[in-house]
Amino acid sequence: MAQGVLPPIIQGGMGVAVSDWRLARAVSTRGQLGVVSGTAIDTVLVRRLQDGDIGGHMRRAMAAFPVPGVAAEALKRYFLPEGTRGDKPYAMLPMYRQKVTAMRNALSVLGAFVEVHLAKEGHEGMVGINLLTKIQMPNLALLYGAMLAGVDVVLMGAGIPREIPPALDRMVEHQPAELRLEVAGESASAPEFIRFDPMEIWGDTPPPSLVRPKFFPIVASNSLATMFARKGGGKIDGLVIEGPTAGGHNAPPRGEPTFNERGEPVYGPRDEVDLAKIAELGLPFWVAGGMGSAEQLRRVQAQGATGIQVGTLFAFCEDSGLNPELRASVLRRAAKAEVDVLTSAQASPTGYPFKVVRWDDDPALHHDRGRICDLGYLRTAYREPDGGIGYRCASEPEDQYMKKGGTLEETVGRQCLCNGLMANIGMGQVRDNGLEPPLLTSGDDLKAIARFLRGRDSYSAADVLEALLAPA
């Protein structure tokens, strides 16, 4: 695809590291927009190092990291030759807080740099990074690391990322940037901020020139799309319009919530997006959620869309970061239409609806997951009695959560997504009762993937692109 031409296919940015550098590279080298997930990518990096860095890819990318001393310190702290970790638990990064050390931020910068650098290696295609607005505290450092690696596009949903464009404008000049920290229950008090100063990690070393990436917010309504296009607070280069059939986190239904007999939130006419009005905004846009076919691509392009964003088909291809045994298990059942996708109103500590895959061979069916929060990416800030900032997560033990001002009702059904998603890619933590089980998420398209498989046991990212771009 010609330089500067926006591709019709965006590969979804599925975390944690399901959309890894290999998948993004496989898509980008074929002229479409490959996307890496930035969610918890700092933890992914240090776990890859502790697993021996098979193939040496992490160390190769770390050697290109321009900030002096950071890669060497990361190797010193976390690298273990292959096999030496054995069955010991992974060493952990300190959990993020409003204020962290320069080295903690530098490790996040490094993690995003490594993933984007590897995705861009050896070709001229476009590479994007996907981040969740809801995971506030590491996002500025992750964005900066992706920019150091030359990321072409930033995509962000799971919230309203209106502060990101001005932050990109500042960080491209290596200037300090800030995001308002959401503090539970507060609206009128003096705001709290998360601040990131690139020069704190550079010290006396002059930083290189950077190019500002394009920014595509992921939205679920005409009103949000209009807000970004008309008064987004900074340059918006395109929109991704995501429906409730997409995997991972979904936007809550508008209005008073109602639920079906399975406990799933019910979406109605108010949640439907008018693509004709989106087209009138004059920005390129892609439609996501249930878009896994060439027919869907042609349909939305006829309505003015640039193209589609596709996640589910890419998530289960051979090039994704999904644990191969887990992938094979799901596809075996999916080929027989024996999988289910539940939109859980309770699973995510964020309170956002979250898609959960169910199938008879799910390892989590035979494992007591337990309540825990030791990675902390989805923690919520709250005001402590002494005026300080504390952190809590609805997936941590109930007594701990309630001691921090939370309610028992908020903990019902919550699961630790951070650890479950790590297990999806074969990096489950070692616990006293065994290995952390996976917590698989997918779009609704998984239930119909048998039509795409056509009797195959597996398929590649190239197969997905060939099917999506097939002529009528």
Protein backbone atom coordinates (compact mmCIF):
# COMPACT_ATOMS: atom_id res chain seq x y z
CA MET A 1 0.00 0.00 0.00
CA ALA A 2 1.31 3.45 -0.94
CA GLN A 3 2.91 5.51 1.81
CA GLY A 4 0.35 7.79 3.46
CA VAL A 5 -2.68 5.79 2.24
CA LEU A 6 -4.82 4.62 5.15
CA PRO A 7 -5.45 0.86 5.02
CA PRO A 8 -8.94 -0.66 5.03
CA ILE A 9 -8.05 -3.23 7.73
CA ILE A 10 -7.01 -2.44 11.30
CA GLN A 11 -6.01 -5.50 13.30
CA GLY A 12 -7.50 -5.16 16.77
CA GLY A 13 -5.19 -4.37 19.68
CA MET A 14 -6.00 -7.26 21.99
CA GLY A 15 -4.35 -7.48 25.37
CA VAL A 16 -2.49 -8.76 27.17
CA ALA A 17 0.00 -9.36 24.27
CA VAL A 18 -2.46 -11.43 22.23
CA SER A 19 -1.82 -8.67 19.71
CA ASP A 20 1.92 -9.03 20.11
CA TRP A 21 4.74 -7.82 17.88
CA ARG A 22 4.65 -10.95 15.72
CA LEU A 23 0.97 -10.55 14.86
CA ALA A 24 1.27 -6.81 14.24
CA ARG A 25 4.28 -7.39 12.00
CA ALA A 26 2.49 -10.13 10.05
CA VAL A 27 -0.36 -7.71 9.32
CA SER A 28 1.76 -4.62 8.66
CA THR A 29 4.05 -6.36 6.18
CA ARG A 30 0.92 -7.10 4.12
CA GLY A 31 -0.08 -3.45 3.84
CA GLN A 32 -2.65 -3.20 6.64
CA LEU A 33 -2.44 -1.60 10.09
CA GLY A 34 -0.90 -4.06 12.54
CA VAL A 35 -1.46 -3.11 16.16
CA VAL A 36 0.35 -4.15 19.33
CA SER A 37 -1.39 -4.11 22.67
CA GLY A 38 0.27 -1.82 25.20
CA THR A 39 -1.71 -3.22 28.13
CA ALA A 40 0.72 -4.43 30.83
CA ILE A 41 3.49 -4.63 28.21
CA ASP A 42 6.07 -3.72 30.88
CA THR A 43 5.17 -6.86 32.83
CA VAL A 44 5.15 -8.89 29.61
CA LEU A 45 8.71 -7.75 28.88
CA VAL A 46 10.10 -8.70 32.27
CA ARG A 47 8.35 -12.08 32.17
CA ARG A 48 9.74 -12.80 28.72
CA LEU A 49 13.19 -12.00 30.13
CA GLN A 50 12.62 -14.33 33.09
CA ASP A 51 11.56 -17.08 30.66
CA GLY A 52 14.98 -16.81 29.02
CA ASP A 53 14.13 -14.49 26.09
CA ILE A 54 13.75 -17.38 23.65
CA GLY A 55 15.18 -16.33 20.28
CA GLY A 56 16.87 -13.28 21.78
CA HIS A 57 14.26 -10.88 20.40
CA MET A 58 13.84 -8.85 23.59
CA ARG A 59 17.56 -8.31 23.98
CA ARG A 60 17.93 -7.41 20.30
CA ALA A 61 15.29 -4.68 20.61
CA MET A 62 16.62 -3.54 23.99
CA ALA A 63 20.03 -2.98 22.38
CA ALA A 64 18.37 -0.35 20.17
CA PHE A 65 16.75 1.49 23.11
CA PRO A 66 18.24 4.99 23.06
CA VAL A 67 17.94 5.94 26.76
CA PRO A 68 21.29 5.12 28.41
CA GLY A 69 21.45 2.52 31.16
CA VAL A 70 17.80 1.43 31.24
CA ALA A 71 18.09 -1.76 29.18
CA ALA A 72 21.19 -2.83 31.11
CA GLU A 73 19.38 -2.31 34.42
CA ALA A 74 16.36 -4.29 33.20
CA LEU A 75 18.59 -7.18 32.16
CA LYS A 76 20.39 -7.09 35.49
CA ARG A 77 17.13 -7.22 37.43
CA TYR A 78 15.05 -9.63 35.37
CA PHE A 79 16.93 -11.65 32.75
CA LEU A 80 17.36 -15.36 33.51
CA PRO A 81 18.94 -17.78 31.04
CA GLU A 82 16.49 -20.30 29.61
CA GLY A 83 15.41 -22.89 32.13
CA THR A 84 16.81 -21.25 35.24
CA ARG A 85 13.47 -19.88 36.50
CA GLY A 86 12.13 -23.42 36.73
CA ASP A 87 8.80 -23.48 38.55
CA LYS A 88 9.51 -20.41 40.67
CA PRO A 89 7.04 -17.49 40.58
CA TYR A 90 7.78 -14.55 38.31
CA ALA A 91 9.49 -11.58 39.95
CA MET A 92 7.09 -8.64 39.93
CA LEU A 93 7.35 -5.02 38.93
CA PRO A 94 6.25 -2.49 41.57
CA MET A 95 2.58 -1.63 41.10
CA TYR A 96 1.88 1.78 39.58
CA ARG A 97 0.87 4.72 41.72
CA GLN A 98 0.21 8.36 41.00
CA LYS A 99 3.91 9.03 41.52
CA VAL A 100 6.59 6.42 40.78
CA THR A 101 10.36 6.44 40.42
CA ALA A 102 12.03 7.46 37.18
CA MET A 103 13.24 3.85 36.75
CA ARG A 104 9.72 2.45 37.12
CA ASN A 105 8.53 4.79 34.38
CA ALA A 106 11.62 3.96 32.32
CA LEU A 107 10.73 0.25 32.41
CA SER A 108 7.31 1.07 30.97
CA VAL A 109 8.92 3.22 28.29
CA LEU A 110 11.25 0.31 27.51
CA GLY A 111 8.42 -2.23 27.34
CA ALA A 112 6.43 -0.22 24.79
CA PHE A 113 9.57 0.60 22.80
CA VAL A 114 10.57 -3.07 22.51
CA GLU A 115 7.13 -4.20 21.31
CA VAL A 116 6.77 -1.46 18.68
CA HIS A 117 10.40 -1.74 17.56
CA LEU A 118 10.01 -5.46 16.88
CA ALA A 119 6.68 -4.96 15.12
CA LYS A 120 8.27 -2.37 12.79
CA GLU A 121 11.49 -4.27 12.18
CA GLY A 122 12.43 -4.87 8.54
CA HIS A 123 9.51 -3.27 6.67
CA GLU A 124 7.86 0.09 5.91
CA GLY A 125 4.30 -0.77 6.92
CA MET A 126 2.25 1.09 9.52
CA VAL A 127 2.21 -0.09 13.15
CA GLY A 128 -0.15 1.09 15.87
CA ILE A 129 -0.41 0.65 19.62
CA ASN A 130 -3.64 0.16 21.55
CA LEU A 131 -4.03 1.34 25.14
CA LEU A 132 -6.97 1.39 27.55
CA THR A 133 -7.93 4.83 28.83
CA LYS A 134 -9.15 3.19 32.04
CA ILE A 135 -5.60 2.05 32.88
CA GLN A 136 -4.45 5.56 33.61
CA MET A 137 -1.20 5.52 35.51
CA PRO A 138 1.29 3.92 33.06
CA ASN A 139 -0.22 5.32 29.86
CA LEU A 140 1.96 8.40 29.39
CA ALA A 141 5.16 6.39 29.82
CA LEU A 142 3.88 3.71 27.44
CA LEU A 143 2.93 6.27 24.81
CA TYR A 144 6.34 7.87 25.03
CA GLY A 145 8.09 4.52 24.62
CA ALA A 146 5.98 3.73 21.56
CA MET A 147 6.86 7.14 20.10
CA LEU A 148 10.57 6.51 20.63
CA ALA A 149 10.14 3.37 18.50
CA GLY A 150 8.37 5.33 15.75
CA VAL A 151 4.80 4.13 16.28
CA ASP A 152 2.52 5.36 13.48
CA VAL A 153 -0.90 5.30 15.18
CA VAL A 154 -2.23 5.40 18.74
CA LEU A 155 -5.65 3.84 19.35
CA MET A 156 -7.41 4.21 22.70
CA GLY A 157 -10.81 3.19 24.04
CA ALA A 158 -12.29 1.88 27.32
CA GLY A 159 -13.01 5.43 28.41
CA ILE A 160 -12.88 8.90 26.87
CA PRO A 161 -9.25 9.68 25.94
CA ARG A 162 -9.69 13.38 25.24
CA GLU A 163 -6.52 14.35 27.15
CA ILE A 164 -4.30 12.19 24.93
CA PRO A 165 -3.89 14.45 21.85
CA PRO A 166 -2.39 17.37 23.83
CA ALA A 167 -0.21 14.90 25.74
CA LEU A 168 1.13 13.56 22.42
CA ASP A 169 1.80 17.13 21.30
CA ARG A 170 3.92 17.76 24.39
CA MET A 171 5.77 14.45 24.49
CA VAL A 172 6.77 14.65 20.82
CA GLU A 173 8.81 17.67 21.97
CA HIS A 174 10.02 15.75 25.08
CA GLN A 175 7.99 18.11 27.27
CA PRO A 176 6.20 17.06 30.48
CA ALA A 177 2.62 15.84 30.01
CA GLU A 178 -0.18 15.14 32.44
CA LEU A 179 -3.50 13.33 32.71
CA ARG A 180 -6.15 13.99 35.31
CA LEU A 181 -6.26 11.12 37.80
CA GLU A 182 -9.74 9.78 38.40
CA VAL A 183 -10.34 9.59 42.16
CA ALA A 184 -13.37 7.52 43.16
CA GLY A 185 -16.30 9.57 44.41
CA GLU A 186 -14.70 12.97 43.79
CA SER A 187 -15.96 15.59 41.39
CA ALA A 188 -15.71 19.04 42.97
CA SER A 189 -12.43 18.85 44.88
CA ALA A 190 -9.09 20.04 43.53
CA PRO A 191 -8.03 17.67 40.73
CA GLU A 192 -5.16 15.21 41.04
CA PHE A 193 -2.82 14.58 38.10
CA ILE A 194 -0.51 11.90 36.74
CA ARG A 195 2.58 13.61 35.40
CA PHE A 196 5.31 12.25 33.17
CA ASP A 197 8.48 14.17 32.29
CA PRO A 198 10.51 12.48 29.54
CA MET A 199 13.67 14.31 30.56
CA GLU A 200 13.65 12.60 33.97
CA ILE A 201 14.70 9.36 32.27
CA TRP A 202 17.09 11.02 29.78
CA GLY A 203 19.14 12.93 32.32
CA ASP A 204 21.88 14.84 30.50
CA THR A 205 21.58 12.85 27.27
CA PRO A 206 19.95 14.83 24.43
CA PRO A 207 16.84 12.97 23.15
CA PRO A 208 16.24 12.26 19.45
CA SER A 209 13.70 14.01 17.22
CA LEU A 210 10.30 12.34 17.20
CA VAL A 211 7.30 12.29 14.89
CA ARG A 212 3.83 12.63 16.39
CA PRO A 213 1.73 9.54 15.68
CA LYS A 214 -1.81 9.70 14.36
CA PHE A 215 -4.50 9.38 17.03
CA PHE A 216 -7.65 7.28 16.60
CA PRO A 217 -10.00 7.30 19.62
CA ILE A 218 -12.28 4.26 19.89
CA VAL A 219 -15.85 5.39 20.51
CA ALA A 220 -19.27 3.77 20.74
CA SER A 221 -21.69 6.64 20.05
CA ASN A 222 -22.38 9.48 17.65
CA SER A 223 -22.14 12.01 20.48
CA LEU A 224 -18.60 10.91 21.45
CA ALA A 225 -17.50 10.83 17.82
CA THR A 226 -18.83 14.36 17.34
CA MET A 227 -17.14 15.57 20.53
CA PHE A 228 -13.76 14.29 19.34
CA ALA A 229 -14.20 15.65 15.82
CA ARG A 230 -15.46 19.10 16.86
CA LYS A 231 -13.87 19.82 20.24
CA GLY A 232 -11.54 16.98 21.10
CA GLY A 233 -8.87 19.25 22.56
CA GLY A 234 -6.23 18.29 20.01
CA LYS A 235 -5.63 16.74 16.60
CA ILE A 236 -7.77 13.70 15.83
CA ASP A 237 -6.76 11.77 12.73
CA GLY A 238 -9.53 9.17 12.57
CA LEU A 239 -12.14 7.28 14.56
CA VAL A 240 -12.84 3.65 15.37
CA ILE A 241 -16.56 3.05 15.90
CA GLU A 242 -16.90 -0.01 18.12
CA GLY A 243 -20.11 -1.93 18.69
CA PRO A 244 -21.05 -4.14 21.68
CA THR A 245 -20.23 -7.39 19.84
CA ALA A 246 -16.49 -6.60 20.01
CA GLY A 247 -14.30 -8.53 22.45
CA GLY A 248 -12.74 -7.34 25.69
CA HIS A 249 -14.33 -4.33 27.37
CA ASN A 250 -17.49 -2.83 25.88
CA ALA A 251 -19.05 0.55 26.49
CA PRO A 252 -22.00 0.26 28.91
CA PRO A 253 -25.48 0.60 27.36
CA ARG A 254 -26.89 4.10 27.40
CA GLY A 255 -29.65 4.90 29.87
CA GLU A 256 -30.91 2.81 32.78
CA PRO A 257 -29.24 -0.63 32.54
CA THR A 258 -31.37 -3.70 31.86
CA PHE A 259 -30.23 -7.31 31.64
CA ASN A 260 -31.30 -10.44 29.80
CA GLU A 261 -31.89 -13.87 31.35
CA ARG A 262 -28.10 -14.57 31.23
CA GLY A 263 -27.32 -11.42 33.18
CA GLU A 264 -25.90 -9.66 30.12
CA PRO A 265 -26.50 -5.93 29.61
CA VAL A 266 -29.10 -5.27 26.92
CA TYR A 267 -28.21 -2.82 24.16
CA GLY A 268 -30.98 -0.98 22.34
CA PRO A 269 -31.64 1.64 19.65
CA ARG A 270 -29.90 4.35 21.66
CA ASP A 271 -26.66 2.36 21.38
CA GLU A 272 -26.77 2.12 17.59
CA VAL A 273 -24.39 4.40 15.70
CA ASP A 274 -25.57 6.28 12.60
CA LEU A 275 -22.67 5.79 10.20
CA ALA A 276 -24.04 8.41 7.80
CA LYS A 277 -23.64 11.03 10.53
CA ILE A 278 -20.16 9.73 11.33
CA ALA A 279 -19.23 10.16 7.67
CA GLU A 280 -20.43 13.79 7.81
CA LEU A 281 -17.73 14.55 10.41
CA GLY A 282 -15.14 14.35 7.62
CA LEU A 283 -12.68 12.06 9.39
CA PRO A 284 -11.54 8.61 8.26
CA PHE A 285 -13.31 5.96 10.31
CA TRP A 286 -13.28 2.22 10.80
CA VAL A 287 -16.10 0.07 12.18
CA ALA A 288 -15.37 -2.60 14.82
CA GLY A 289 -17.42 -5.43 16.30
CA GLY A 290 -18.79 -8.24 14.16
CA MET A 291 -16.82 -7.11 11.12
CA GLY A 292 -15.06 -10.38 10.28
CA SER A 293 -15.95 -10.69 6.59
CA ALA A 294 -15.36 -9.11 3.20
CA GLU A 295 -19.11 -8.49 2.95
CA GLN A 296 -19.03 -6.38 6.12
CA LEU A 297 -16.06 -4.43 4.79
CA ARG A 298 -17.88 -3.61 1.55
CA ARG A 299 -21.07 -2.73 3.44
CA VAL A 300 -19.48 -0.15 5.73
CA GLN A 301 -17.31 1.28 2.96
CA ALA A 302 -20.52 1.91 1.02
CA GLN A 303 -21.63 3.95 4.04
CA GLY A 304 -18.50 6.09 3.98
CA ALA A 305 -16.14 4.12 6.23
CA THR A 306 -12.46 3.76 5.40
CA GLY A 307 -12.62 0.16 6.56
CA ILE A 308 -13.01 -2.18 9.51
CA GLN A 309 -11.19 -3.17 12.68
CA VAL A 310 -11.07 -6.94 13.21
CA GLY A 311 -10.04 -8.67 16.42
CA THR A 312 -11.48 -12.15 16.90
CA LEU A 313 -10.20 -13.73 13.67
CA PHE A 314 -6.70 -12.40 14.35
CA ALA A 315 -6.79 -13.41 18.03
CA PHE A 316 -7.10 -17.10 17.15
CA CYS A 317 -4.65 -17.17 14.23
CA GLU A 318 -1.23 -18.84 14.41
CA ASP A 319 0.57 -15.47 14.51
CA SER A 320 -1.10 -14.16 17.68
CA GLY A 321 0.40 -14.29 21.16
CA LEU A 322 -2.35 -16.57 22.48
CA ASN A 323 -1.06 -19.75 24.15
CA PRO A 324 -1.04 -22.35 21.32
CA GLU A 325 -2.65 -25.05 23.49
CA LEU A 326 -5.39 -22.67 24.57
CA ARG A 327 -5.98 -21.59 20.96
CA ALA A 328 -6.21 -25.17 19.74
CA SER A 329 -8.61 -26.10 22.54
CA VAL A 330 -11.00 -23.26 21.69
CA LEU A 331 -10.86 -23.83 17.93
CA ARG A 332 -11.63 -27.54 18.35
CA ARG A 333 -14.79 -26.63 20.21
CA ALA A 334 -15.61 -23.68 17.97
CA ALA A 335 -15.46 -25.93 14.89
CA LYS A 336 -18.37 -27.85 16.44
CA ALA A 337 -20.20 -24.67 17.53
CA GLU A 338 -19.49 -25.60 21.16
CA VAL A 339 -18.27 -22.23 22.42
CA ASP A 340 -20.18 -19.44 24.08
CA VAL A 341 -19.32 -15.77 24.60
CA LEU A 342 -20.93 -14.12 27.61
CA THR A 343 -21.02 -10.36 28.04
CA SER A 344 -20.42 -10.26 31.78
CA ALA A 345 -21.58 -7.21 33.66
CA GLN A 346 -19.50 -8.24 36.69
CA ALA A 347 -16.22 -9.90 35.64
CA SER A 348 -14.16 -6.73 35.15
CA PRO A 349 -13.08 -4.70 38.19
CA THR A 350 -13.60 -1.60 36.02
CA GLY A 351 -17.38 -2.06 36.05
CA TYR A 352 -17.39 -2.05 32.23
CA PRO A 353 -19.09 -5.00 30.48
CA PHE A 354 -16.48 -7.60 29.57
CA LYS A 355 -16.70 -10.51 27.13
CA VAL A 356 -15.81 -13.94 28.59
CA VAL A 357 -15.38 -17.11 26.49
CA ARG A 358 -16.95 -20.31 27.79
CA TRP A 359 -16.13 -23.81 26.54
CA ASP A 360 -16.08 -27.24 28.13
CA ASP A 361 -12.29 -27.57 28.11
CA ASP A 362 -11.60 -24.24 29.83
CA PRO A 363 -8.78 -24.87 32.36
CA ALA A 364 -10.36 -22.32 34.70
CA LEU A 365 -13.35 -24.64 35.23
CA HIS A 366 -11.14 -26.87 37.37
CA HIS A 367 -9.23 -24.22 39.27
CA ASP A 368 -10.14 -21.94 42.15
CA ARG A 369 -9.00 -18.59 40.79
CA GLY A 370 -9.17 -16.85 44.15
CA ARG A 371 -9.33 -13.13 44.81
CA ILE A 372 -6.12 -11.19 44.27
CA CYS A 373 -4.66 -7.91 43.05
CA ASP A 374 -0.88 -8.06 42.73
CA LEU A 375 -0.34 -6.53 39.28
CA GLY A 376 -2.55 -3.54 39.94
CA TYR A 377 -3.20 -2.17 36.45
CA LEU A 378 -6.95 -1.84 37.07
CA ARG A 379 -6.72 -0.36 40.56
CA THR A 380 -8.87 2.67 41.29
CA ALA A 381 -7.58 5.69 43.21
CA TYR A 382 -9.56 6.84 46.23
CA ARG A 383 -9.20 9.53 48.89
CA GLU A 384 -7.92 8.25 52.23
CA PRO A 385 -9.13 9.75 55.54
CA ASP A 386 -5.87 11.66 55.97
CA GLY A 387 -6.28 13.27 52.54
CA GLY A 388 -3.77 11.06 50.73
CA ILE A 389 -4.40 8.87 47.70
CA GLY A 390 -4.97 5.14 48.17
CA TYR A 391 -5.62 2.37 45.67
CA ARG A 392 -8.13 -0.47 45.61
CA CYS A 393 -9.39 -3.11 43.19
CA ALA A 394 -12.75 -4.87 43.31
CA SER A 395 -10.99 -8.19 42.57
CA GLU A 396 -8.87 -8.11 45.73
CA PRO A 397 -10.05 -9.94 48.90
CA GLU A 398 -13.37 -8.48 50.06
CA ASP A 399 -12.16 -7.49 53.53
CA GLN A 400 -9.20 -5.55 52.09
CA TYR A 401 -11.43 -3.79 49.59
CA MET A 402 -13.98 -2.75 52.20
CA LYS A 403 -11.24 -1.49 54.54
CA LYS A 404 -10.36 0.92 51.73
CA GLY A 405 -13.89 2.32 51.53
CA GLY A 406 -15.32 -0.01 48.88
CA THR A 407 -18.60 -1.88 49.27
CA LEU A 408 -19.19 -5.62 49.31
CA GLU A 409 -21.65 -5.24 46.43
CA GLU A 410 -18.86 -3.89 44.21
CA THR A 411 -16.82 -7.08 44.66
CA VAL A 412 -19.51 -9.56 43.57
CA GLY A 413 -18.38 -11.59 40.56
CA ARG A 414 -15.20 -9.59 40.00
CA GLN A 415 -12.15 -11.43 38.66
CA CYS A 416 -8.51 -10.42 38.34
CA LEU A 417 -8.28 -9.64 34.64
CA CYS A 418 -4.60 -8.73 34.87
CA ASN A 419 -3.50 -12.20 35.95
CA GLY A 420 -6.06 -14.05 33.85
CA LEU A 421 -5.01 -12.25 30.68
CA MET A 422 -1.34 -12.95 31.44
CA ALA A 423 -2.21 -16.65 31.66
CA ASN A 424 -3.83 -16.45 28.20
CA ILE A 425 -0.39 -15.93 26.67
CA GLY A 426 1.36 -18.62 28.70
CA MET A 427 2.66 -16.30 31.43
CA GLY A 428 0.39 -17.31 34.30
CA GLN A 429 1.82 -16.68 37.74
CA VAL A 430 2.83 -19.64 39.92
CA ARG A 431 0.53 -19.85 42.96
CA ASP A 432 0.45 -22.13 45.99
CA ASN A 433 -2.48 -24.00 44.41
CA GLY A 434 -0.91 -24.24 40.94
CA LEU A 435 -0.60 -22.12 37.83
CA GLU A 436 -2.86 -19.09 37.34
CA PRO A 437 -5.66 -20.16 34.95
CA PRO A 438 -6.54 -18.21 31.80
CA LEU A 439 -9.46 -15.81 31.45
CA LEU A 440 -10.20 -15.76 27.75
CA THR A 441 -12.05 -12.94 26.02
CA SER A 442 -13.32 -12.71 22.46
CA GLY A 443 -15.85 -10.99 20.28
CA ASP A 444 -19.19 -12.60 19.49
CA ASP A 445 -17.80 -13.66 16.09
CA LEU A 446 -16.10 -16.60 17.81
CA LYS A 447 -19.43 -18.42 17.93
CA ALA A 448 -19.53 -18.42 14.11
CA ILE A 449 -15.84 -19.00 13.40
CA ALA A 450 -16.54 -22.50 12.04
CA ARG A 451 -17.60 -20.84 8.77
CA PHE A 452 -14.13 -19.32 8.50
CA LEU A 453 -12.26 -22.48 9.53
CA ARG A 454 -13.83 -24.57 6.74
CA GLY A 455 -12.47 -27.76 8.33
CA ARG A 456 -9.00 -26.39 9.12
CA ASP A 457 -7.40 -26.85 12.53
CA SER A 458 -5.56 -23.53 12.30
CA TYR A 459 -4.93 -20.55 10.04
CA SER A 460 -2.60 -17.56 9.66
CA ALA A 461 -2.94 -13.78 9.71
CA ALA A 462 -2.37 -13.90 5.95
CA ASP A 463 -5.42 -16.18 5.63
CA VAL A 464 -7.50 -13.64 7.55
CA LEU A 465 -6.41 -10.77 5.32
CA GLU A 466 -7.04 -12.78 2.17
CA ALA A 467 -10.59 -13.51 3.32
CA LEU A 468 -11.32 -9.92 4.41
CA LEU A 469 -10.04 -8.45 1.15
CA ALA A 470 -11.64 -11.03 -1.15
CA PRO A 471 -13.50 -9.49 -4.11
CA ALA A 472 -17.27 -9.75 -4.30
